[in-house]
Amino acid sequence: MNSTVKRNVLAVIRSLFASSSLITKADFRNSLSASITAKCSTLCLNEAEEQILSPLEVLRKWGCNDDEISKLFISRPSLRRANVAQLEYKLNLLTPLGITSSDLVKIVDCRPRFFSRHIHLVLDERINYFIELLGSKEVLRKVIIRNPSLMFYDLEEKIKPAVAFYRELGISQEDLVAMFVARPTLIPRTNFSNEKFEYIQRTGVSRDSKMFKYVAATIGVSRMETIEEKVANLEKFGLSQEEIWNLCGRCPIILTLSVEKVQRNMTYVMASMKFPAHSVLKHPFLLLVNLETHLRPRVDLVKRVSEMGLKPLVEEVNIATALRMSEKRFLSVYVMCHPQDVAAELMQVYEKAKSMKRLAEESKKYVFKGFPF
């Protein structure tokens, strides 16, 4: 009897355990199924969200058209994989400045790594400073487009000291803004020293002169070694330092020309045109114009007109005036005033001279006479 009871009790226990096991497995299967379904749903939602908030869609939502987006991706391929949240945040920072989609293309084309920098850490800090300095957001917008790196230069160590230097030189707020807009790299590249202040004084330009701001800016952004090299280069042609600095005071852009360009133009002026080196003091444009596309072609054409016994439309014109004419005016005076067949021959001479490769030694083969300054 006892053994029968025991067997029955054991049977009931087994039955209970079996039932409990089935329920547990069923619950586990249901729980697993629910978990997988939830994860799949989450993944699907995330994928859908990523498709909606891809860099392409963020740029499109911000206002860029497909052509502009294509240009942005070409300039900065990594934008395709940019962090969506960060990209959207940085774009929103630019919006109050009036930056448009076409502006953005110019900015990234100029500085492909623009969005790789932490603009969100420095932009807010300097916006008010620049607006106060430049007078408006619109002016700041133009400056940023021309020099996007302005957003990353050190405000306290680089920009503010440079502004202070120009103000100490007596440059007005209006002139400073004009300089900054014309040359956005001016302030971050400025570095003054006692030697540079001395150079400014040697130009002989007074602070009241309209040229003063250009002289100060050109010297301010130039390295000392570069200035010394360019002055020494002109000295080689027989000009004194006093003459050179006086020239720089009247035409400060001379200091921005490369040593090679000055050497080629001076060689041509002296060897081909047979003019003395001092001619450039009176006519700085002889150094400024392009030798291959402007100076030599015009000299060759004027020489050919003279050799053919022809006269220009304006007989009293000299070579200095001819070199400074607009292209249309020059051709009118020296080419179009002649019969059609002669004009065609002269144009051929002119175009051939323009297409010639740069050969410094060739300038020594020509002799130019008869058109004194």
Foldseek 3Di string as FASTA:
>chain_A
DVVVVVVVVVVVVVVVVVVVVVVVVVVVVVVVVVVVVVVVVVVVVVVVVCVCQFLVNLLVVLPADPVLVVLLCVLAVCSRVDDSVLVNVVSVLCVVLVQHSVLVSLLCNVPVCLSVDPLVVQVVVCPVVVCVLQVHSPLVSLLCSVPVCVSPQDCPPFQVVQVVVVVVLVDDSVVVNVVCNVPVCQRNQFDDDPVLVVLLVLLVDDSVDPLSVVLSSLSRNDDPVLQVVLLVLLVVLPDDSSLVSPLCSVPVCSSVDDSVLQVLLLLLCCQAAVDRSCVCSVVVVSSVDDVQAAVQLLLQLVVVCVVVVHAWPDRVDFPSNLSPDDPVVNCNGRAPVDPPVRSVVSVVSSVVSNPDDDDSVVSNVHHHDDGDD
